[in-house]
């Protein structure tokens, strides 16, 4: 794959930048709409590799999709149960929202499921979810042997029925789930829970990592009219989901606030002012935390109005990178923001510590190890502990940043390249996983003149 020369800038950035829709919301809406009883239209969905894989997997269950490029809307026809074979194969790429979310749902329609994925997906945790499904009468086999990247889609695991559920049993099914490695195990069970004949009771042991994503799942279920109850204790959280079909109406996907991170980091690194339209006033997205992080890092965030809603404006003076103050951040609930915050930390003069992120070792790559490797490659000093990153000295030397097939490591390299001329990224196309327009948006960001903002502060 061709390397990408990261552009650098030596002047403040100013203007407005509209971002594509949220991957996390798009895939939750897709899976709920596909389980419904009527056609649903989703406005402003993300069109990227992860959402295309979700559509293809749901298509294997008999759902159909029609995207209107003119209106940027997607029409979904729900699952056709009669079209599902007894033995089903789906492909999930490197997308946890596909590999994990689709597994419990597909097993409501087929007797044997084989899930394929990218070779790197064999390193991503899956057993906690499969252990929960075993409590519902399923056997599984996981394929964990390493395979070369060029192998293409490879089997990740197989699941088949062993003890059929008793259709005459009126008591709720109950499962325990461990969500300390990924909240997606819990969200996967929640998103299909209403499809079981008696509903599902899910007991999640604490700690539950990335709680904002669970909140997003619960909010999506509520919007879909699913009846659920939540009971919390010091040791666990129990979710009781009543049976029923989701009843979504027309939905609009919010802008992806996590993917706003690299552009916000650019303003912090270079100075300037950036307006991001359609920033929601209230949201369950983890990326909304960028407003607080940016302020802690010395910038100013203001709310602005526009013709069709609300936006956020990020303003930073030049010189924030030279601050020598020690900073510490707990990102247990917002872990996906770590690679971007790490790029900012790697540019700071002061020491920075990011805690609560041990679960990132099981993401698209071991993000803690990858970040430390790349900081050292770029002449900086950093170390990783069991659940933290500590940055001792800023990067100084341009080099080729390795993306590790990880979209967030690719944008990590882009951020560093803004202020360290000569940086390259070996696989910038990893960003197509969740933001296929990243290269164009980044070029627009560093252009001599961004489009002017029409937001009024």
Protein backbone atom coordinates (compact mmCIF):
# COMPACT_ATOMS: atom_id res chain seq x y z
CA UNK A 1 0.00 0.00 0.00
CA UNK A 2 1.31 3.50 -0.78
CA UNK A 3 2.52 5.63 2.10
CA UNK A 4 0.80 8.94 2.77
CA UNK A 5 2.74 12.13 3.34
CA UNK A 6 1.10 13.87 6.27
CA UNK A 7 0.68 17.59 5.53
CA UNK A 8 2.13 20.10 7.97
CA UNK A 9 1.07 23.67 8.67
CA UNK A 10 2.81 26.61 10.31
CA UNK A 11 -0.12 29.00 10.67
CA UNK A 12 -3.32 28.90 12.74
CA UNK A 13 -6.35 27.14 11.27
CA UNK A 14 -9.72 28.86 10.94
CA UNK A 15 -13.04 27.88 9.38
CA UNK A 16 -15.84 25.31 9.55
CA UNK A 17 -15.84 21.59 8.86
CA UNK A 18 -18.90 19.34 8.56
CA UNK A 19 -18.35 15.73 9.63
CA UNK A 20 -20.03 12.50 8.48
CA UNK A 21 -22.49 10.53 10.59
CA UNK A 22 -21.69 8.43 13.64
CA UNK A 23 -20.69 4.84 12.96
CA UNK A 24 -21.85 3.72 16.41
CA UNK A 25 -25.32 5.21 15.97
CA UNK A 26 -25.66 4.11 12.35
CA UNK A 27 -24.97 0.46 13.14
CA UNK A 28 -27.29 0.46 16.15
CA UNK A 29 -30.10 1.98 14.07
CA UNK A 30 -29.47 -0.53 11.28
CA UNK A 31 -29.69 -3.57 13.52
CA UNK A 32 -32.84 -2.30 15.26
CA UNK A 33 -34.55 -1.25 12.01
CA UNK A 34 -33.84 -4.67 10.51
CA UNK A 35 -35.67 -6.36 13.40
CA UNK A 36 -38.77 -4.19 13.02
CA UNK A 37 -42.15 -4.84 11.45
CA UNK A 38 -42.13 -2.06 8.85
CA UNK A 39 -39.81 -0.11 6.58
CA UNK A 40 -37.65 2.55 8.23
CA UNK A 41 -35.73 5.48 6.75
CA UNK A 42 -32.47 6.66 8.31
CA UNK A 43 -31.28 10.16 7.47
CA UNK A 44 -27.56 11.01 7.24
CA UNK A 45 -26.25 7.48 7.92
CA UNK A 46 -22.53 6.87 7.72
CA UNK A 47 -21.45 5.14 4.53
CA UNK A 48 -18.15 3.47 5.46
CA UNK A 49 -16.65 -0.01 5.58
CA UNK A 50 -18.08 -0.87 9.01
CA UNK A 51 -21.63 0.18 8.09
CA UNK A 52 -21.43 -1.51 4.69
CA UNK A 53 -20.37 -4.75 6.40
CA UNK A 54 -23.35 -4.38 8.75
CA UNK A 55 -25.72 -3.98 5.81
CA UNK A 56 -24.23 -7.00 4.04
CA UNK A 57 -24.56 -9.16 7.17
CA UNK A 58 -28.16 -8.07 7.75
CA UNK A 59 -28.76 -8.69 4.05
CA UNK A 60 -27.77 -12.31 4.63
CA UNK A 61 -30.69 -12.40 7.09
CA UNK A 62 -33.06 -11.18 4.38
CA UNK A 63 -33.09 -7.44 5.13
CA UNK A 64 -32.66 -5.05 2.21
CA UNK A 65 -31.31 -1.52 1.89
CA UNK A 66 -31.73 1.30 -0.60
CA UNK A 67 -29.52 4.38 -0.27
CA UNK A 68 -30.62 7.65 -1.88
CA UNK A 69 -27.52 9.69 -2.57
CA UNK A 70 -29.54 12.82 -3.32
CA UNK A 71 -31.30 12.93 0.06
CA UNK A 72 -28.56 11.09 1.97
CA UNK A 73 -31.15 8.67 3.31
CA UNK A 74 -31.26 4.90 3.66
CA UNK A 75 -34.46 2.87 3.39
CA UNK A 76 -34.44 -0.44 5.30
CA UNK A 77 -36.79 -3.37 4.69
CA UNK A 78 -36.72 -5.66 7.77
CA UNK A 79 -35.38 -9.20 8.05
CA UNK A 80 -37.21 -11.91 6.13
CA UNK A 81 -37.11 -14.90 8.47
CA UNK A 82 -38.08 -17.33 5.70
CA UNK A 83 -35.02 -16.28 3.67
CA UNK A 84 -32.48 -17.27 6.34
CA UNK A 85 -30.73 -20.62 5.78
CA UNK A 86 -30.21 -23.01 8.69
CA UNK A 87 -26.46 -22.59 8.28
CA UNK A 88 -25.37 -18.99 7.81
CA UNK A 89 -22.04 -17.26 7.16
CA UNK A 90 -21.48 -13.53 7.67
CA UNK A 91 -18.39 -11.36 7.31
CA UNK A 92 -17.45 -8.73 9.89
CA UNK A 93 -14.10 -7.38 8.71
CA UNK A 94 -12.45 -5.76 11.72
CA UNK A 95 -15.72 -4.27 12.99
CA UNK A 96 -16.67 -5.18 16.54
CA UNK A 97 -20.14 -3.72 15.99
CA UNK A 98 -20.70 -6.29 13.22
CA UNK A 99 -18.84 -9.32 14.58
CA UNK A 100 -20.31 -8.98 18.07
CA UNK A 101 -23.68 -7.29 17.51
CA UNK A 102 -24.82 -9.62 14.72
CA UNK A 103 -23.95 -12.90 16.45
CA UNK A 104 -26.82 -13.09 19.01
CA UNK A 105 -29.30 -11.74 16.46
CA UNK A 106 -28.36 -14.20 13.70
CA UNK A 107 -28.70 -17.13 16.11
CA UNK A 108 -32.38 -16.28 16.53
CA UNK A 109 -32.84 -17.24 12.87
CA UNK A 110 -30.28 -19.96 12.07
CA UNK A 111 -28.98 -23.14 13.68
CA UNK A 112 -25.31 -22.69 12.84
CA UNK A 113 -23.42 -19.42 12.37
CA UNK A 114 -19.93 -18.95 10.97
CA UNK A 115 -18.39 -15.51 11.33
CA UNK A 116 -15.53 -14.44 9.05
CA UNK A 117 -13.29 -11.43 9.52
CA UNK A 118 -9.98 -9.79 8.75
CA UNK A 119 -6.93 -11.73 10.00
CA UNK A 120 -6.35 -9.04 12.66
CA UNK A 121 -9.84 -9.71 14.03
CA UNK A 122 -8.62 -13.02 15.47
CA UNK A 123 -6.83 -10.96 18.12
CA UNK A 124 -10.01 -9.17 19.23
CA UNK A 125 -11.78 -10.66 22.29
CA UNK A 126 -14.98 -12.61 21.64
CA UNK A 127 -15.17 -15.35 24.28
CA UNK A 128 -17.11 -13.32 26.90
CA UNK A 129 -20.00 -12.95 24.44
CA UNK A 130 -19.86 -16.60 23.38
CA UNK A 131 -19.77 -17.69 27.03
CA UNK A 132 -23.03 -15.78 27.53
CA UNK A 133 -24.60 -17.46 24.51
CA UNK A 134 -23.54 -20.85 25.87
CA UNK A 135 -25.90 -20.14 28.79
CA UNK A 136 -28.71 -19.99 26.21
CA UNK A 137 -27.85 -23.42 24.82
CA UNK A 138 -25.17 -22.80 22.21
CA UNK A 139 -21.81 -24.46 21.58
CA UNK A 140 -18.97 -22.58 19.99
CA UNK A 141 -15.49 -22.95 18.53
CA UNK A 142 -13.04 -20.04 18.28
CA UNK A 143 -10.21 -19.96 15.72
CA UNK A 144 -7.31 -18.04 17.22
CA UNK A 145 -4.29 -19.19 15.22
CA UNK A 146 -2.46 -16.19 13.71
CA UNK A 147 -2.72 -15.88 9.94
CA UNK A 148 -0.92 -13.50 7.55
CA UNK A 149 -2.61 -10.21 6.68
CA UNK A 150 -2.90 -11.15 3.03
CA UNK A 151 -5.00 -14.23 3.87
CA UNK A 152 -8.22 -12.28 3.32
CA UNK A 153 -11.40 -13.07 5.26
CA UNK A 154 -10.79 -15.96 7.64
CA UNK A 155 -13.09 -17.88 10.02
CA UNK A 156 -13.16 -16.26 13.47
CA UNK A 157 -15.61 -18.58 15.23
CA UNK A 158 -18.59 -20.88 14.76
CA UNK A 159 -21.68 -21.14 16.96
CA UNK A 160 -24.42 -23.76 16.81
CA UNK A 161 -27.48 -24.78 18.81
CA UNK A 162 -26.94 -27.53 21.35
CA UNK A 163 -29.91 -27.21 23.71
CA UNK A 164 -32.90 -25.59 22.00
CA UNK A 165 -34.77 -23.01 24.04
CA UNK A 166 -38.11 -24.14 25.45
CA UNK A 167 -40.68 -22.18 23.48
CA UNK A 168 -43.35 -22.93 26.11
CA UNK A 169 -41.27 -21.52 28.99
CA UNK A 170 -42.79 -18.18 30.01
CA UNK A 171 -39.98 -17.16 32.36
CA UNK A 172 -37.37 -14.74 30.97
CA UNK A 173 -34.13 -16.17 29.73
CA UNK A 174 -31.23 -15.04 31.89
CA UNK A 175 -27.54 -14.67 31.07
CA UNK A 176 -24.48 -13.32 32.82
CA UNK A 177 -21.99 -11.29 30.80
CA UNK A 178 -18.54 -9.90 31.51
CA UNK A 179 -18.08 -6.44 30.00
CA UNK A 180 -14.72 -5.39 31.40
CA UNK A 181 -12.92 -6.09 28.11
CA UNK A 182 -15.56 -4.48 25.87
CA UNK A 183 -18.98 -2.92 26.36
CA UNK A 184 -19.91 -4.40 22.97
CA UNK A 185 -20.53 -7.80 24.58
CA UNK A 186 -23.29 -6.24 26.65
CA UNK A 187 -24.64 -4.08 23.81
CA UNK A 188 -24.75 -7.14 21.52
CA UNK A 189 -27.04 -8.97 23.94
CA UNK A 190 -29.18 -5.88 24.56
CA UNK A 191 -29.75 -5.11 20.88
CA UNK A 192 -31.24 -8.54 20.17
CA UNK A 193 -32.75 -9.23 23.62
CA UNK A 194 -36.34 -8.36 22.65
CA UNK A 195 -36.21 -10.98 19.88
CA UNK A 196 -36.05 -13.93 22.26
CA UNK A 197 -39.52 -15.45 22.88
CA UNK A 198 -39.54 -14.50 26.57
CA UNK A 199 -37.23 -11.51 26.31
CA UNK A 200 -33.91 -11.58 28.12
CA UNK A 201 -32.50 -10.74 31.53
CA UNK A 202 -28.84 -9.76 31.35
CA UNK A 203 -26.65 -9.46 34.43
CA UNK A 204 -23.42 -7.56 33.74
CA UNK A 205 -20.74 -7.76 36.38
CA UNK A 206 -18.88 -4.58 37.20
CA UNK A 207 -16.70 -3.01 35.96
CA UNK A 208 -18.54 -2.20 32.74
CA UNK A 209 -16.07 -0.51 30.44
CA UNK A 210 -16.99 2.35 28.05
CA UNK A 211 -20.30 3.00 29.78
CA UNK A 212 -21.21 5.77 27.33
CA UNK A 213 -21.63 3.16 24.59
CA UNK A 214 -24.00 1.16 26.79
CA UNK A 215 -25.97 4.38 27.39
CA UNK A 216 -26.15 4.83 23.62
CA UNK A 217 -27.52 1.29 23.22
CA UNK A 218 -30.13 1.82 25.94
CA UNK A 219 -31.18 5.14 24.40
CA UNK A 220 -31.49 3.51 20.96
CA UNK A 221 -33.68 0.74 22.42
CA UNK A 222 -35.89 3.31 24.11
CA UNK A 223 -36.28 5.22 20.84
CA UNK A 224 -37.30 1.92 19.24
CA UNK A 225 -40.07 1.41 21.79
CA UNK A 226 -38.44 -1.56 23.53
CA UNK A 227 -39.53 -2.03 27.15
CA UNK A 228 -36.63 -2.49 29.56
CA UNK A 229 -35.78 -2.12 33.22
CA UNK A 230 -32.38 -1.50 34.80
CA UNK A 231 -31.44 -2.51 38.33
CA UNK A 232 -28.04 -1.55 39.75
CA UNK A 233 -26.06 -2.88 42.70
CA UNK A 234 -22.48 -2.32 43.77
CA UNK A 235 -21.44 -5.59 42.09
CA UNK A 236 -23.51 -5.66 38.90
CA UNK A 237 -26.16 -4.12 36.67
CA UNK A 238 -29.18 -6.17 35.58
CA UNK A 239 -31.11 -5.34 32.41
CA UNK A 240 -34.57 -6.86 31.88
CA UNK A 241 -35.74 -6.56 28.29
CA UNK A 242 -39.32 -7.47 27.39
CA UNK A 243 -40.06 -9.32 24.13
CA UNK A 244 -41.24 -7.30 21.17
CA UNK A 245 -40.24 -5.91 17.79
CA UNK A 246 -38.46 -2.55 17.52
CA UNK A 247 -40.72 0.20 16.19
CA UNK A 248 -38.39 2.83 14.82
CA UNK A 249 -39.72 5.68 12.75
CA UNK A 250 -37.56 7.99 10.64
CA UNK A 251 -34.21 8.44 12.38
CA UNK A 252 -31.42 10.99 11.85
CA UNK A 253 -27.83 10.07 12.63
CA UNK A 254 -25.78 12.63 14.55
CA UNK A 255 -22.36 13.76 13.34
CA UNK A 256 -19.58 11.45 14.57
CA UNK A 257 -18.14 13.27 17.58
CA UNK A 258 -15.36 10.73 18.18
CA UNK A 259 -14.18 11.29 14.63
CA UNK A 260 -14.26 15.01 15.34
CA UNK A 261 -11.28 14.39 17.63
CA UNK A 262 -8.42 14.63 15.09
CA UNK A 263 -9.77 17.94 13.75
CA UNK A 264 -10.16 19.33 17.26
CA UNK A 265 -6.62 18.15 18.04
CA UNK A 266 -5.41 20.03 14.95
CA UNK A 267 -6.77 23.31 16.30
CA UNK A 268 -5.12 22.65 19.66
CA UNK A 269 -1.79 21.80 18.01
CA UNK A 270 -1.72 24.65 15.49
CA UNK A 271 -3.87 27.30 17.10
CA UNK A 272 -6.91 28.85 15.50
CA UNK A 273 -10.66 28.41 15.48
CA UNK A 274 -12.81 25.60 14.10
CA UNK A 275 -16.61 25.47 13.93
CA UNK A 276 -18.23 22.02 13.75
CA UNK A 277 -21.88 22.23 12.66
CA UNK A 278 -24.59 19.87 13.95
CA UNK A 279 -22.96 19.23 17.31
CA UNK A 280 -25.93 17.96 19.35
CA UNK A 281 -26.98 19.70 22.54
CA UNK A 282 -27.56 16.33 24.20
CA UNK A 283 -26.03 13.05 23.12
CA UNK A 284 -24.82 9.67 24.35
CA UNK A 285 -21.74 9.75 22.10
CA UNK A 286 -18.41 9.33 23.86
CA UNK A 287 -16.98 12.03 21.58
CA UNK A 288 -18.99 14.72 23.31
CA UNK A 289 -16.28 14.53 25.99
CA UNK A 290 -13.99 16.40 23.59
CA UNK A 291 -15.56 19.64 24.76
CA UNK A 292 -14.33 19.05 28.30
CA UNK A 293 -10.93 17.66 27.26
CA UNK A 294 -10.27 20.62 24.99
CA UNK A 295 -10.97 23.04 27.83
CA UNK A 296 -8.66 21.17 30.21
CA UNK A 297 -5.94 21.33 27.57
CA UNK A 298 -6.20 25.11 27.45
CA UNK A 299 -8.66 25.74 24.67
CA UNK A 300 -12.06 27.43 24.67
CA UNK A 301 -15.32 25.77 23.61
CA UNK A 302 -18.50 27.69 22.85
CA UNK A 303 -21.94 26.73 21.63
CA UNK A 304 -23.19 28.37 18.48
CA UNK A 305 -26.41 28.42 16.54
CA UNK A 306 -26.95 27.93 12.84
CA UNK A 307 -29.86 27.83 10.41
CA UNK A 308 -30.65 24.16 11.02
CA UNK A 309 -29.52 23.54 14.58
CA UNK A 310 -26.57 23.84 16.89
CA UNK A 311 -22.83 23.65 16.49
CA UNK A 312 -19.67 23.81 18.58
CA UNK A 313 -16.77 26.21 18.14
CA UNK A 314 -13.27 25.27 19.31
CA UNK A 315 -10.76 28.10 19.78
CA UNK A 316 -7.12 27.72 20.81
CA UNK A 317 -4.28 30.24 21.08
CA UNK A 318 -0.91 29.27 19.67
CA UNK A 319 1.58 27.82 22.09
CA UNK A 320 -0.58 25.34 24.02
CA UNK A 321 1.94 22.59 23.24
CA UNK A 322 4.62 24.35 25.28
CA UNK A 323 2.64 24.08 28.54
CA UNK A 324 4.76 22.13 31.06
CA UNK A 325 1.92 21.38 33.51
CA UNK A 326 1.41 17.71 34.44
CA UNK A 327 -1.99 16.50 33.25
CA UNK A 328 -3.85 13.28 34.00
CA UNK A 329 -7.01 11.95 32.32
CA UNK A 330 -9.24 8.98 33.18
CA UNK A 331 -10.72 7.66 29.92
CA UNK A 332 -12.34 4.47 31.21
CA UNK A 333 -15.71 5.66 29.93
CA UNK A 334 -14.32 7.29 26.76
CA UNK A 335 -11.52 4.94 25.72
CA UNK A 336 -11.90 5.40 21.97
CA UNK A 337 -10.65 8.98 22.34
CA UNK A 338 -7.28 7.73 23.61
CA UNK A 339 -5.22 7.60 20.36
CA UNK A 340 -6.15 11.20 19.52
CA UNK A 341 -5.48 12.46 23.05
CA UNK A 342 -2.23 10.46 22.95
CA UNK A 343 -1.13 12.36 19.83
CA UNK A 344 -1.76 15.62 21.68
CA UNK A 345 0.12 14.29 24.71
CA UNK A 346 3.04 13.30 22.46
CA UNK A 347 3.28 16.92 21.28
CA UNK A 348 3.16 18.51 24.76
CA UNK A 349 6.20 19.68 26.73
CA UNK A 350 4.56 18.66 30.01
CA UNK A 351 4.03 15.07 31.14
CA UNK A 352 0.63 13.52 30.48
CA UNK A 353 -0.93 10.37 31.92
CA UNK A 354 -4.02 8.60 30.51
CA UNK A 355 -5.58 5.98 32.79
CA UNK A 356 -8.44 3.45 32.71
CA UNK A 357 -7.58 2.21 29.21
CA UNK A 358 -6.33 -1.36 29.62
CA UNK A 359 -9.23 -2.63 27.51
CA UNK A 360 -7.73 -0.87 24.46
CA UNK A 361 -5.28 -3.74 24.13
CA UNK A 362 -8.18 -5.67 22.58
CA UNK A 363 -9.28 -3.07 20.02
CA UNK A 364 -8.30 -3.05 16.32
CA UNK A 365 -4.76 -3.48 17.62
CA UNK A 366 -3.11 -3.34 21.04
CA UNK A 367 -3.43 0.43 21.10
CA UNK A 368 -1.29 0.94 24.20
CA UNK A 369 1.66 -0.93 22.68
CA UNK A 370 1.12 0.71 19.29
CA UNK A 371 1.10 4.23 20.73
CA UNK A 372 4.28 3.66 22.72
CA UNK A 373 5.99 2.13 19.68
CA UNK A 374 5.11 5.09 17.46
CA UNK A 375 6.02 7.76 20.02
CA UNK A 376 9.46 6.17 20.40
CA UNK A 377 9.80 5.83 16.63
CA UNK A 378 9.18 9.59 16.43
CA UNK A 379 11.86 10.40 19.02
CA UNK A 380 9.56 10.89 22.03
CA UNK A 381 9.39 9.06 25.35
CA UNK A 382 6.35 7.16 26.58
CA UNK A 383 5.53 4.03 28.57
CA UNK A 384 2.51 1.77 28.97
CA UNK A 385 1.32 0.09 32.15
CA UNK A 386 -1.47 -2.40 32.67
CA UNK A 387 -4.14 0.25 32.14
CA UNK A 388 -2.32 3.53 31.51
CA UNK A 389 -0.09 5.50 29.17
CA UNK A 390 2.49 7.98 30.48
CA UNK A 391 4.15 10.50 28.16
CA UNK A 392 7.52 11.81 29.36
CA UNK A 393 8.92 13.81 26.43
CA UNK A 394 7.49 15.08 23.11
CA UNK A 395 8.21 13.66 19.68
CA UNK A 396 11.05 15.30 17.78
CA UNK A 397 11.96 13.23 14.70
CA UNK A 398 9.84 12.62 11.59
CA UNK A 399 9.32 8.97 10.67
CA UNK A 400 6.83 6.65 9.03
CA UNK A 401 3.98 6.01 11.47
CA UNK A 402 2.53 2.50 11.43
CA UNK A 403 -1.28 2.35 11.45
CA UNK A 404 -1.62 -1.36 12.44
CA UNK A 405 -4.86 -1.57 10.35
CA UNK A 406 -6.33 0.79 12.97
CA UNK A 407 -8.21 3.91 11.83
CA UNK A 408 -7.39 5.77 15.04
CA UNK A 409 -3.66 5.03 14.77
CA UNK A 410 -3.75 6.36 11.21
CA UNK A 411 -5.22 9.67 12.41
CA UNK A 412 -2.68 9.67 15.27
CA UNK A 413 0.02 9.94 12.60
CA UNK A 414 -1.85 12.69 10.75
CA UNK A 415 -2.04 14.83 13.89
CA UNK A 416 1.68 14.46 14.61
CA UNK A 417 2.47 15.35 11.01
CA UNK A 418 0.77 18.73 11.33
CA UNK A 419 3.61 20.07 13.49
CA UNK A 420 6.42 17.66 12.62
CA UNK A 421 7.18 18.01 8.90
CA UNK A 422 8.18 14.82 7.09
CA UNK A 423 5.88 12.36 8.89
CA UNK A 424 4.36 9.61 6.78
CA UNK A 425 1.57 7.14 7.54
CA UNK A 426 1.92 3.65 6.10
CA UNK A 427 -1.82 2.97 5.76
CA UNK A 428 -3.97 6.11 5.85
CA UNK A 429 -6.72 4.13 4.14
CA UNK A 430 -7.35 2.40 7.46
CA UNK A 431 -9.53 5.47 8.11
CA UNK A 432 -12.11 4.16 5.61
CA UNK A 433 -13.31 1.86 8.37
CA UNK A 434 -15.32 4.71 9.88
CA UNK A 435 -14.51 7.86 7.84
CA UNK A 436 -13.87 7.24 4.13
CA UNK A 437 -13.66 10.99 3.52
CA UNK A 438 -10.86 11.53 6.03
CA UNK A 439 -8.12 12.38 3.50
CA UNK A 440 -10.36 14.91 1.75
CA UNK A 441 -11.45 16.50 5.04
CA UNK A 442 -7.85 16.66 6.27
CA UNK A 443 -6.75 18.32 3.03
CA UNK A 444 -9.59 20.79 3.46
CA UNK A 445 -8.49 21.43 7.06
CA UNK A 446 -4.93 22.39 6.11
CA UNK A 447 -5.90 24.31 2.97
CA UNK A 448 -4.97 28.01 2.97
CA UNK A 449 -8.61 28.95 3.51
CA UNK A 450 -11.24 26.71 5.09
CA UNK A 451 -14.89 27.50 4.31
CA UNK A 452 -16.07 30.29 6.56
CA UNK A 453 -18.34 29.41 9.46
CA UNK A 454 -21.98 30.51 9.39
CA UNK A 455 -22.34 29.71 13.09
CA UNK A 456 -23.22 32.56 15.42
CA UNK A 457 -21.70 32.37 18.91
